[in-house]
Amino acid sequence: MHTLPALYPLLRSHVYYADKGSPEAQLWSVSGVVDTLLWNQLAPLLGDGWAPVMDYGELGLIMDDEHGRRLIAIEDTRTLIVVDYTESKICAVGRDSRGLFIDLYKSIRGLHAAAAVHSGASMLHASAVERNGKVVCFIGDKGSGKTTSLLSCLSAGMPGLRGVSDDKVLVSGDGNPAVTAWPSVVNAAVGSLSDVGLAGYAGPDMHLKGGGVSYLLQNLPLAEDLSIDGSSSRTFKIRLVPEELRCLFGYEFSEGGSLAAVVGVSLSINSRSSELRECEDAAEKTDLFRRHAISVDSNHPDWLGLSSHPGSPLLTEEAGGSANFASDMDFTKVFCARLVLGRDRNDVLRGLTHRLTEEGDGAGEKSTRFSEPLPRYHFGVYAKIRRGREVLLVRKTRGPYAGLLDLPGGRPEPGESRIDALRRELAEELGASRVSLGEFVRLGLHVTSDSGGRAIDFVHEGEVCEVDLLDNLVIDELESSDTAGWEWVDITSVPKQAMSALAQRAFCS
């Protein structure tokens, strides 16, 4: 970009556009400039000779000239894009910086995707996360819960977990398959954001706070018109670039990794519990892949012509989603299953992802471990507060520790630091207004039965901090939704069975 240095951080992403990317993509030049007059001069000429094209809801017009170039006029963003196949250049001229950013972002994404497909990769309709170099892909049709699954895992606070991409990934490898990030936005419905506590951030100034863009699919790119008024029946979807999610919520993103699992998801919001069914053999696994392979031509229009224009150096005869997709891949170590997402979906998605991305052998070799109850996962920050032989604990009212004495604390909210999260939790559960925090120590445990003796598969990880109270505690008007007050207990005499597994590990081990 020659004239918009403010946009550099958004496009120059070490995650999606790393130096080790496709050699074909690196040979191209992409530039952009704002010109408020060009679109006004161009608009009256958009008629005969221009063919309509749609891309992610945006209406565009294209024209191929005799010099090996394609002109693309995007009316929604008022941007003109010129693709020069002979010189391997893409230049975008926008009437305003916001529209220009959207189309530059999509152009770079299209360039990298076309280069990957040209090199033999295939596209899969999936959202994906990575940990320990292992990728879990959530696949499904539109509205099945792929983005919900992605956001649920990212908001878990799971150490080392990173997002790969939303809605599409690139899969390659004749033997053990590998996943590469599709450089894309996260396309989330407000319901999905609300499900993981992010809806409150979906305001008109979100793109300003996050350093990116957010806008309605139905009316691009008017972020100022965004409203999530509960009285409205309209379903909103918001597009967020990865840098927004990184800036606002601290989410991290990965270039990809080895394919550990493919989980076909479907939402069932009226079901109390989620249900998992594993694929029985290699044929069923292959079929699951093929059903969600994406054809560039039919499902993702190549509006830039990078894979389809006769003059493009990235011309691809057979695009991703072909009948041969997945036929040569080795699924021995890939866990494949179908998952119906019930009301417990967040805990189950996080639990499955944690187990599937553990260090060690491939997930496929351990698939028999996924029997009822399905694994759950929780991460939080907690306080150890002492007064002589006494310790301060709270009484849990829900979850696996219901009725037991537990450490005060809980899960950080989106974008909240562990220090701020612990201070907030102590204010809500104890009424503590002034505290002194020490060092955080990581702690993890596997709990196999809840407070009622029922079998569970629960991984509980967190960071525990020594805390000193600087003021007296407030007894009334506590704001906690999952505790029923606090009490000082003598750690030398309280029965262990009256304490949660977390409190036992913190004080009794």
Protein backbone atom coordinates (compact mmCIF):
# COMPACT_ATOMS: atom_id res chain seq x y z
CA MET A 1 0.00 0.00 0.00
CA HIS A 2 1.51 3.23 -1.13
CA THR A 3 -0.60 5.79 0.71
CA LEU A 4 -2.20 4.02 3.69
CA PRO A 5 0.49 3.14 6.26
CA ALA A 6 -2.19 2.95 8.96
CA LEU A 7 -3.39 -0.29 7.37
CA TYR A 8 0.01 -1.99 7.42
CA PRO A 9 -0.43 -3.88 10.71
CA LEU A 10 -3.73 -5.35 9.52
CA LEU A 11 -2.41 -6.78 6.27
CA ARG A 12 1.15 -7.60 7.28
CA SER A 13 0.25 -10.61 9.43
CA HIS A 14 3.05 -12.99 10.36
CA VAL A 15 0.38 -15.66 10.84
CA TYR A 16 -1.23 -15.68 7.44
CA TYR A 17 1.40 -14.15 5.20
CA ALA A 18 4.61 -15.64 6.55
CA ASP A 19 7.88 -15.65 4.60
CA LYS A 20 7.68 -19.42 4.26
CA GLY A 21 4.41 -19.18 2.35
CA SER A 22 3.76 -20.25 -1.24
CA PRO A 23 6.58 -19.29 -3.67
CA GLU A 24 3.97 -18.54 -6.34
CA ALA A 25 2.17 -16.11 -4.04
CA GLN A 26 5.40 -14.33 -3.10
CA LEU A 27 6.05 -13.45 -6.75
CA TRP A 28 2.93 -11.29 -6.90
CA SER A 29 2.72 -7.61 -6.02
CA VAL A 30 -0.36 -6.21 -4.25
CA SER A 31 -0.86 -2.49 -3.74
CA GLY A 32 -3.63 -0.06 -2.91
CA VAL A 33 -4.38 3.65 -2.99
CA VAL A 34 -7.27 5.92 -2.07
CA ASP A 35 -8.65 8.09 -4.86
CA THR A 36 -11.94 9.86 -4.19
CA LEU A 37 -12.43 10.92 -7.81
CA LEU A 38 -11.81 7.71 -9.78
CA TRP A 39 -14.97 5.92 -8.68
CA ASN A 40 -17.14 8.91 -9.54
CA GLN A 41 -15.66 8.89 -13.04
CA LEU A 42 -15.95 5.11 -13.38
CA ALA A 43 -19.52 4.60 -12.13
CA PRO A 44 -21.31 6.00 -15.23
CA LEU A 45 -19.28 3.65 -17.46
CA LEU A 46 -20.37 0.41 -15.70
CA GLY A 47 -22.71 -1.00 -18.33
CA ASP A 48 -22.17 -2.94 -21.53
CA GLY A 49 -19.17 -5.25 -21.46
CA TRP A 50 -19.17 -5.67 -17.68
CA ALA A 51 -20.29 -9.05 -16.26
CA PRO A 52 -21.79 -9.36 -12.76
CA VAL A 53 -20.07 -11.43 -10.07
CA MET A 54 -20.92 -12.08 -6.42
CA ASP A 55 -18.43 -12.66 -3.63
CA TYR A 56 -19.47 -12.98 0.03
CA GLY A 57 -22.56 -10.91 -0.57
CA GLU A 58 -20.80 -8.13 -2.43
CA LEU A 59 -21.98 -7.25 -5.92
CA GLY A 60 -19.20 -6.68 -8.43
CA LEU A 61 -18.73 -6.23 -12.15
CA ILE A 62 -15.81 -7.62 -14.12
CA MET A 63 -14.30 -6.92 -17.52
CA ASP A 64 -11.34 -8.69 -19.17
CA ASP A 65 -9.39 -6.53 -21.61
CA GLU A 66 -7.16 -7.45 -24.53
CA HIS A 67 -3.97 -6.78 -22.56
CA GLY A 68 -4.30 -9.74 -20.18
CA ARG A 69 -5.88 -7.75 -17.38
CA ARG A 70 -9.11 -8.05 -15.41
CA LEU A 71 -10.95 -4.99 -14.07
CA ILE A 72 -13.24 -5.58 -11.09
CA ALA A 73 -15.61 -2.87 -9.88
CA ILE A 74 -17.04 -3.54 -6.39
CA GLU A 75 -20.07 -1.31 -6.02
CA ASP A 76 -20.68 -1.95 -2.30
CA THR A 77 -17.19 -0.81 -1.28
CA ARG A 78 -16.66 1.52 -4.28
CA THR A 79 -13.34 -0.04 -5.15
CA LEU A 80 -11.74 -0.75 -8.54
CA ILE A 81 -9.35 -3.71 -8.64
CA VAL A 82 -6.99 -4.29 -11.57
CA VAL A 83 -5.43 -7.75 -11.91
CA ASP A 84 -2.50 -7.85 -14.35
CA TYR A 85 -1.77 -11.53 -15.03
CA THR A 86 1.24 -10.80 -17.28
CA GLU A 87 3.00 -8.71 -14.64
CA SER A 88 1.61 -10.69 -11.65
CA LYS A 89 0.24 -7.54 -10.03
CA ILE A 90 -2.95 -6.61 -8.20
CA CYS A 91 -3.77 -2.94 -7.64
CA ALA A 92 -6.84 -1.69 -5.78
CA VAL A 93 -8.08 1.89 -5.93
CA GLY A 94 -10.74 2.72 -3.34
CA ARG A 95 -12.92 5.72 -2.70
CA ASP A 96 -12.35 5.37 1.07
CA SER A 97 -9.87 3.50 3.24
CA ARG A 98 -12.45 1.24 4.86
CA GLY A 99 -13.70 -0.21 1.59
CA LEU A 100 -10.16 -0.41 0.25
CA PHE A 101 -9.03 -2.40 3.28
CA ILE A 102 -11.83 -4.95 2.83
CA ASP A 103 -10.97 -5.59 -0.79
CA LEU A 104 -7.19 -5.62 -0.24
CA TYR A 105 -7.65 -8.17 2.52
CA LYS A 106 -9.78 -10.37 0.26
CA SER A 107 -7.34 -9.99 -2.63
CA ILE A 108 -4.38 -11.17 -0.55
CA ARG A 109 -6.44 -14.04 0.81
CA GLY A 110 -7.49 -15.04 -2.70
CA LEU A 111 -3.90 -14.90 -3.91
CA HIS A 112 -2.61 -17.21 -1.20
CA ALA A 113 -5.53 -19.61 -1.59
CA ALA A 114 -5.09 -19.80 -5.38
CA ALA A 115 -1.36 -20.44 -4.97
CA ALA A 116 -2.05 -23.25 -2.47
CA VAL A 117 -4.63 -24.92 -4.73
CA HIS A 118 -2.25 -24.55 -7.68
CA SER A 119 0.34 -26.44 -5.61
CA GLY A 120 -2.07 -29.35 -5.01
CA ALA A 121 -3.93 -28.44 -1.83
CA SER A 122 -7.69 -28.90 -1.49
CA MET A 123 -10.19 -26.75 0.36
CA LEU A 124 -12.34 -28.08 3.19
CA HIS A 125 -15.45 -26.39 4.56
CA ALA A 126 -14.21 -26.24 8.15
CA SER A 127 -13.25 -24.06 11.09
CA ALA A 128 -10.11 -25.19 12.88
CA VAL A 129 -7.98 -24.82 16.01
CA GLU A 130 -4.43 -26.00 16.79
CA ARG A 131 -2.46 -27.00 19.89
CA ASN A 132 0.85 -28.86 20.15
CA GLY A 133 1.06 -28.84 16.35
CA LYS A 134 -2.21 -30.82 16.06
CA VAL A 135 -5.24 -29.40 14.25
CA VAL A 136 -8.90 -30.17 14.99
CA CYS A 137 -11.29 -29.29 12.13
CA PHE A 138 -14.98 -28.67 12.79
CA ILE A 139 -16.83 -29.30 9.53
CA GLY A 140 -20.42 -28.89 8.46
CA ASP A 141 -22.85 -27.03 6.26
CA LYS A 142 -23.78 -23.39 6.69
CA GLY A 143 -25.22 -22.74 10.16
CA SER A 144 -24.10 -26.10 11.54
CA GLY A 145 -21.97 -24.60 14.33
CA LYS A 146 -18.46 -24.41 12.86
CA THR A 147 -17.84 -20.81 13.96
CA THR A 148 -19.56 -21.49 17.29
CA SER A 149 -17.11 -24.36 17.83
CA LEU A 150 -14.13 -22.17 16.90
CA LEU A 151 -15.11 -19.33 19.25
CA SER A 152 -15.99 -21.75 22.05
CA CYS A 153 -12.51 -23.26 21.96
CA LEU A 154 -10.71 -19.91 21.61
CA SER A 155 -12.59 -18.48 24.60
CA ALA A 156 -11.73 -21.45 26.84
CA GLY A 157 -8.45 -19.95 28.03
CA MET A 158 -6.74 -23.27 27.19
CA PRO A 159 -2.95 -22.74 27.30
CA GLY A 160 -1.35 -23.18 23.88
CA LEU A 161 -4.61 -23.32 21.91
CA ARG A 162 -4.70 -21.15 18.78
CA GLY A 163 -7.18 -20.55 16.00
CA VAL A 164 -6.34 -21.63 12.46
CA SER A 165 -9.16 -20.17 10.36
CA ASP A 166 -12.93 -19.94 10.10
CA ASP A 167 -15.16 -21.66 7.52
CA LYS A 168 -12.37 -22.91 5.22
CA VAL A 169 -9.00 -24.63 5.56
CA LEU A 170 -6.48 -25.96 3.05
CA VAL A 171 -5.60 -29.66 3.32
CA SER A 172 -2.58 -31.21 1.63
CA GLY A 173 -0.31 -34.24 1.81
CA ASP A 174 -0.40 -37.59 0.05
CA GLY A 175 0.33 -39.47 3.28
CA ASN A 176 -0.43 -37.94 6.65
CA PRO A 177 -2.61 -34.91 5.90
CA ALA A 178 -1.58 -31.41 6.96
CA VAL A 179 -3.77 -28.33 7.45
CA THR A 180 -2.85 -24.80 6.38
CA ALA A 181 -4.78 -21.71 7.46
CA TRP A 182 -7.11 -20.12 4.94
CA PRO A 183 -6.41 -16.39 5.37
CA SER A 184 -9.93 -15.31 6.22
CA VAL A 185 -12.14 -13.29 8.49
CA VAL A 186 -14.19 -14.86 11.27
CA ASN A 187 -17.80 -14.67 10.13
CA ALA A 188 -19.85 -14.86 13.33
CA ALA A 189 -23.54 -14.52 14.10
CA VAL A 190 -24.39 -12.43 17.14
CA GLY A 191 -25.83 -15.59 18.70
CA SER A 192 -22.43 -17.28 18.45
CA LEU A 193 -20.76 -14.26 20.01
CA SER A 194 -23.32 -14.22 22.82
CA ASP A 195 -22.79 -17.93 23.46
CA VAL A 196 -19.19 -17.30 24.56
CA GLY A 197 -19.72 -13.90 26.17
CA LEU A 198 -18.64 -11.69 23.25
CA ALA A 199 -21.92 -10.09 22.21
CA GLY A 200 -21.33 -7.05 24.40
CA TYR A 201 -18.35 -6.12 22.23
CA ALA A 202 -20.36 -6.11 18.98
CA GLY A 203 -20.95 -2.36 18.87
CA PRO A 204 -20.54 0.23 16.13
CA ASP A 205 -17.07 1.19 17.39
CA MET A 206 -15.76 -2.37 17.50
CA HIS A 207 -13.52 -1.90 14.45
CA LEU A 208 -12.00 1.21 16.04
CA LYS A 209 -11.24 -0.52 19.33
CA GLY A 210 -9.87 -3.63 17.66
CA GLY A 211 -7.97 -1.98 14.85
CA GLY A 212 -9.91 -3.83 12.16
CA VAL A 213 -13.34 -3.84 10.55
CA SER A 214 -16.74 -5.26 11.41
CA TYR A 215 -19.81 -4.95 9.28
CA LEU A 216 -23.15 -6.49 8.42
CA LEU A 217 -23.31 -9.07 5.67
CA GLN A 218 -26.53 -7.55 4.42
CA ASN A 219 -25.28 -3.97 4.09
CA LEU A 220 -21.53 -3.84 3.50
CA PRO A 221 -19.55 -2.10 4.90
CA LEU A 222 -21.71 0.05 7.20
CA ALA A 223 -20.44 -0.87 10.64
CA GLU A 224 -22.01 2.33 12.04
CA ASP A 225 -25.47 0.86 11.43
CA LEU A 226 -24.77 -2.22 13.54
CA SER A 227 -27.36 -2.86 16.22
CA ILE A 228 -28.04 -5.85 18.45
CA ASP A 229 -31.29 -4.54 19.89
CA GLY A 230 -33.02 -7.49 21.51
CA SER A 231 -36.38 -6.38 20.10
CA SER A 232 -35.18 -6.88 16.54
CA SER A 233 -35.88 -10.18 14.80
CA ARG A 234 -33.10 -9.67 12.28
CA THR A 235 -30.15 -12.07 12.44
CA PHE A 236 -26.85 -10.25 12.35
CA LYS A 237 -23.54 -11.59 11.23
CA ILE A 238 -20.31 -9.76 11.88
CA ARG A 239 -17.00 -10.22 10.11
CA LEU A 240 -13.92 -9.87 12.27
CA VAL A 241 -10.37 -9.97 10.99
CA PRO A 242 -7.98 -12.07 13.12
CA GLU A 243 -6.12 -8.97 14.32
CA GLU A 244 -9.34 -7.71 15.91
CA LEU A 245 -9.76 -10.95 17.85
CA ARG A 246 -6.10 -10.81 18.84
CA CYS A 247 -6.31 -7.19 19.97
CA LEU A 248 -9.68 -7.30 21.74
CA PHE A 249 -9.65 -10.75 23.31
CA GLY A 250 -6.04 -11.96 23.24
CA TYR A 251 -6.80 -14.87 20.91
CA GLU A 252 -3.80 -16.29 19.06
CA PHE A 253 -3.68 -17.75 15.56
CA SER A 254 -1.65 -20.49 13.93
CA GLU A 255 -0.52 -21.23 10.38
CA GLY A 256 -1.75 -24.82 10.76
CA GLY A 257 -0.30 -28.21 11.64
CA SER A 258 -0.87 -31.93 11.24
CA LEU A 259 -4.48 -33.05 10.97
CA ALA A 260 -5.44 -34.77 14.24
CA ALA A 261 -9.23 -34.80 14.05
CA VAL A 262 -12.22 -33.97 11.89
CA VAL A 263 -15.49 -33.47 13.76
CA GLY A 264 -18.72 -32.98 11.84
CA VAL A 265 -20.84 -30.65 13.99
CA SER A 266 -24.54 -29.87 14.03
CA LEU A 267 -26.39 -27.60 16.46
CA SER A 268 -29.30 -28.92 18.51
CA ILE A 269 -30.05 -26.11 20.94
CA ASN A 270 -33.04 -27.93 22.45
CA SER A 271 -30.96 -30.98 23.41
CA ARG A 272 -29.67 -31.01 26.95
CA SER A 273 -26.57 -33.08 26.21
CA SER A 274 -24.22 -33.34 23.25
CA GLU A 275 -23.82 -36.68 21.48
CA LEU A 276 -20.70 -38.04 19.77
CA ARG A 277 -20.59 -40.84 17.20
CA GLU A 278 -17.21 -41.92 15.85
CA CYS A 279 -16.69 -42.94 12.22
CA GLU A 280 -16.34 -46.70 12.03
CA ASP A 281 -13.89 -47.22 9.15
CA ALA A 282 -11.68 -45.51 6.56
CA ALA A 283 -14.50 -45.42 3.99
CA GLU A 284 -16.75 -43.43 6.35
CA LYS A 285 -13.88 -41.08 7.18
CA THR A 286 -13.20 -40.45 3.48
CA ASP A 287 -16.89 -39.83 2.83
CA LEU A 288 -16.99 -37.28 5.67
CA PHE A 289 -14.14 -35.39 3.99
CA ARG A 290 -15.60 -35.51 0.50
CA ARG A 291 -19.00 -34.23 1.61
CA HIS A 292 -17.36 -31.02 2.80
CA ALA A 293 -14.73 -30.50 0.13
CA ILE A 294 -15.11 -27.15 -1.63
CA SER A 295 -15.02 -26.59 -5.36
CA VAL A 296 -13.45 -23.24 -6.22
CA ASP A 297 -15.67 -22.91 -9.28
CA SER A 298 -19.09 -23.64 -7.78
CA ASN A 299 -18.85 -22.68 -4.11
CA HIS A 300 -16.16 -20.01 -4.02
CA PRO A 301 -16.22 -17.88 -7.18
CA ASP A 302 -12.75 -17.01 -8.42
CA TRP A 303 -13.63 -13.37 -8.95
CA LEU A 304 -9.96 -12.40 -9.29
CA GLY A 305 -9.48 -15.03 -12.00
CA LEU A 306 -6.29 -16.27 -10.33
CA SER A 307 -7.19 -19.95 -10.79
CA SER A 308 -9.42 -19.67 -13.87
CA HIS A 309 -8.19 -16.89 -16.19
CA PRO A 310 -6.27 -18.33 -19.18
CA GLY A 311 -3.49 -15.78 -18.70
CA SER A 312 -2.95 -16.41 -14.97
CA PRO A 313 0.27 -18.16 -13.91
CA LEU A 314 -1.82 -19.83 -11.18
CA LEU A 315 -4.30 -21.38 -13.63
CA THR A 316 -5.56 -24.64 -12.12
CA GLU A 317 -7.19 -27.25 -14.30
CA GLU A 318 -8.81 -29.18 -11.45
CA ALA A 319 -9.73 -27.16 -8.34
CA GLY A 320 -10.21 -28.35 -4.77
CA GLY A 321 -13.29 -30.44 -4.09
CA SER A 322 -12.66 -32.95 -6.89
CA ALA A 323 -13.83 -36.53 -6.73
CA ASN A 324 -10.30 -37.67 -5.88
CA PHE A 325 -10.10 -35.52 -2.76
CA ALA A 326 -8.97 -37.53 0.30
CA SER A 327 -8.55 -40.77 -1.66
CA ASP A 328 -4.75 -40.83 -1.18
CA MET A 329 -4.66 -39.55 2.39
CA ASP A 330 -3.76 -41.75 5.34
CA PHE A 331 -6.46 -41.48 8.02
CA THR A 332 -4.94 -44.03 10.40
CA LYS A 333 -4.09 -41.39 12.98
CA VAL A 334 -6.98 -39.01 12.25
CA PHE A 335 -9.93 -39.10 14.63
CA CYS A 336 -13.22 -38.64 12.72
CA ALA A 337 -16.64 -38.31 14.31
CA ARG A 338 -20.01 -36.56 14.16
CA LEU A 339 -21.00 -34.40 17.12
CA VAL A 340 -24.49 -33.11 17.90
CA LEU A 341 -24.03 -29.94 19.97
CA GLY A 342 -26.46 -29.67 22.86
CA ARG A 343 -26.70 -27.05 25.59
CA ASP A 344 -23.49 -28.34 27.16
CA ARG A 345 -21.62 -27.71 23.87
CA ASN A 346 -19.01 -25.30 25.24
CA ASP A 347 -17.74 -27.70 27.92
CA VAL A 348 -17.82 -30.67 25.53
CA LEU A 349 -16.12 -28.88 22.62
CA ARG A 350 -13.35 -27.70 24.92
CA GLY A 351 -12.97 -31.13 26.52
CA LEU A 352 -12.76 -32.96 23.19
CA THR A 353 -10.32 -30.44 21.77
CA HIS A 354 -8.09 -30.64 24.83
CA ARG A 355 -7.98 -34.45 24.61
CA LEU A 356 -7.48 -34.56 20.82
CA THR A 357 -4.55 -32.14 20.92
CA GLU A 358 -2.65 -33.67 23.82
CA GLU A 359 1.02 -34.35 23.30
CA GLY A 360 1.77 -37.97 22.42
CA ASP A 361 0.31 -40.49 20.01
CA GLY A 362 -2.19 -39.67 17.29
CA ALA A 363 -5.79 -39.17 18.32
CA GLY A 364 -6.99 -41.98 16.06
CA GLU A 365 -5.05 -44.55 18.08
CA LYS A 366 -6.93 -43.54 21.26
CA SER A 367 -10.43 -43.12 19.85
CA THR A 368 -11.96 -45.76 22.15
CA ARG A 369 -11.52 -43.41 25.12
CA PHE A 370 -14.46 -41.30 23.93
CA SER A 371 -17.31 -43.03 25.69
CA GLU A 372 -19.87 -41.56 28.05
CA PRO A 373 -19.39 -39.28 29.83
CA LEU A 374 -17.81 -37.04 27.21
CA PRO A 375 -14.78 -35.03 28.37
CA ARG A 376 -15.23 -31.49 29.70
CA TYR A 377 -12.65 -28.75 30.17
CA HIS A 378 -12.47 -25.63 32.33
CA PHE A 379 -9.79 -23.00 32.92
CA GLY A 380 -9.83 -20.35 35.64
CA VAL A 381 -7.80 -18.13 37.95
CA TYR A 382 -8.09 -18.72 41.72
CA ALA A 383 -7.01 -17.30 45.08
CA LYS A 384 -5.39 -18.97 48.10
CA ILE A 385 -6.26 -16.79 51.10
CA ARG A 386 -4.92 -17.74 54.55
CA ARG A 387 -5.48 -16.52 58.12
CA GLY A 388 -3.29 -18.59 60.40
CA ARG A 389 -4.53 -22.18 60.15
CA GLU A 390 -7.70 -21.03 58.42
CA VAL A 391 -8.30 -20.64 54.68
CA LEU A 392 -11.08 -18.74 52.91
CA LEU A 393 -13.31 -20.86 50.65
CA VAL A 394 -16.60 -20.38 48.80
CA ARG A 395 -19.58 -22.74 48.62
CA LYS A 396 -20.24 -23.83 44.99
CA THR A 397 -23.87 -24.00 43.83
CA ARG A 398 -23.44 -25.56 40.37
CA GLY A 399 -21.06 -27.57 38.20
CA PRO A 400 -19.08 -30.66 39.22
CA TYR A 401 -18.22 -29.10 42.62
CA ALA A 402 -21.80 -28.15 43.56
CA GLY A 403 -22.24 -28.14 47.35
CA LEU A 404 -18.48 -28.32 48.01
CA LEU A 405 -16.03 -25.78 49.39
CA ASP A 406 -13.87 -24.38 46.60
CA LEU A 407 -11.23 -21.74 45.92
CA PRO A 408 -12.66 -18.30 45.09
CA GLY A 409 -12.12 -17.38 41.44
CA GLY A 410 -13.29 -18.32 37.96
CA ARG A 411 -12.86 -18.03 34.21
CA PRO A 412 -11.46 -14.78 32.77
CA GLU A 413 -13.85 -12.87 30.56
CA PRO A 414 -12.92 -12.19 26.90
CA GLY A 415 -9.93 -9.86 26.72
CA GLU A 416 -9.51 -9.81 30.51
CA SER A 417 -6.07 -10.32 32.05
CA ARG A 418 -5.66 -12.94 34.78
CA ILE A 419 -5.02 -10.18 37.36
CA ASP A 420 -8.17 -8.24 36.42
CA ALA A 421 -10.16 -11.46 36.26
CA LEU A 422 -9.13 -12.53 39.75
CA ARG A 423 -9.83 -9.09 41.21
CA ARG A 424 -13.30 -9.13 39.62
CA GLU A 425 -14.05 -12.65 40.87
CA LEU A 426 -12.96 -11.78 44.41
CA ALA A 427 -15.21 -8.73 44.39
CA GLU A 428 -18.17 -10.79 43.15
CA GLU A 429 -17.72 -13.85 45.38
CA LEU A 430 -16.25 -12.29 48.53
CA GLY A 431 -17.05 -8.60 48.35
CA ALA A 432 -13.29 -7.95 48.53
CA SER A 433 -12.58 -4.40 47.38
CA ARG A 434 -8.81 -4.22 48.09
CA VAL A 435 -6.43 -7.16 47.77
CA SER A 436 -2.70 -7.78 47.31
CA LEU A 437 -1.82 -10.43 44.71
CA GLY A 438 1.28 -12.61 44.70
CA GLU A 439 2.70 -14.85 41.99
CA PHE A 440 0.49 -17.13 39.90
CA VAL A 441 1.27 -20.86 39.88
CA ARG A 442 -0.14 -23.18 37.20
CA LEU A 443 -2.19 -26.13 38.37
CA GLY A 444 -4.01 -28.92 36.54
CA LEU A 445 -6.01 -31.99 37.53
CA HIS A 446 -8.29 -34.66 36.07
CA VAL A 447 -11.54 -35.19 38.00
CA THR A 448 -13.42 -38.48 37.51
CA SER A 449 -16.49 -37.98 39.75
CA ASP A 450 -18.63 -35.00 40.69
CA SER A 451 -19.87 -34.00 44.14
CA GLY A 452 -22.78 -36.43 43.82
CA GLY A 453 -20.55 -39.38 43.00
CA ARG A 454 -21.51 -39.49 39.31
CA ALA A 455 -18.77 -40.39 36.81
CA ILE A 456 -17.33 -37.44 34.87
CA ASP A 457 -14.33 -36.83 32.62
CA PHE A 458 -13.36 -33.32 33.67
CA VAL A 459 -10.02 -31.59 33.05
CA HIS A 460 -9.61 -28.57 35.33
CA GLU A 461 -6.67 -26.25 34.67
CA GLY A 462 -5.93 -22.91 36.23
CA GLU A 463 -3.52 -20.50 37.81
CA VAL A 464 -3.56 -20.09 41.59
CA CYS A 465 -2.36 -16.96 43.36
CA GLU A 466 -1.53 -16.23 47.02
CA VAL A 467 -3.77 -13.30 48.03
CA ASP A 468 -3.82 -11.00 51.07
CA LEU A 469 -7.00 -9.16 52.03
CA LEU A 470 -6.47 -5.45 52.72
CA ASP A 471 -10.04 -4.67 53.88
CA ASN A 472 -12.81 -6.44 55.74
CA LEU A 473 -15.09 -8.57 53.57
CA VAL A 474 -18.63 -7.53 52.71
CA ILE A 475 -21.17 -10.13 53.81
CA ASP A 476 -24.25 -8.83 52.00
CA GLU A 477 -24.96 -8.03 48.34
CA LEU A 478 -22.55 -10.52 46.75
CA GLU A 479 -22.94 -10.76 42.97
CA SER A 480 -21.77 -14.32 42.32
CA SER A 481 -24.05 -16.55 40.24
CA ASP A 482 -22.40 -19.88 41.11
CA THR A 483 -21.48 -19.56 44.79
CA ALA A 484 -23.49 -19.23 48.00
CA GLY A 485 -21.29 -17.16 50.26
CA TRP A 486 -17.86 -17.72 51.81
CA GLU A 487 -16.46 -19.08 55.06
CA TRP A 488 -13.19 -19.44 56.93
CA VAL A 489 -12.35 -23.08 57.59
CA ASP A 490 -9.60 -24.73 59.62
CA ILE A 491 -7.57 -26.56 56.97
CA THR A 492 -6.31 -29.06 59.59
CA SER A 493 -9.78 -30.25 60.57
CA VAL A 494 -12.09 -29.79 57.56
CA PRO A 495 -12.90 -33.18 55.92
CA LYS A 496 -11.33 -33.55 52.49
CA GLN A 497 -14.60 -34.83 51.06
CA ALA A 498 -16.17 -31.45 51.88
CA MET A 499 -13.69 -29.72 49.56
CA SER A 500 -13.46 -29.62 45.79
CA ALA A 501 -10.65 -31.46 44.01
CA LEU A 502 -9.14 -28.04 43.22
CA ALA A 503 -9.13 -26.93 46.86
CA GLN A 504 -7.69 -30.26 47.97
CA ARG A 505 -4.86 -29.98 45.45
CA ALA A 506 -4.14 -26.37 46.45
CA PHE A 507 -4.06 -26.87 50.25
CA CYS A 508 -3.71 -30.58 51.00
CA SER A 509 -1.18 -31.93 48.50
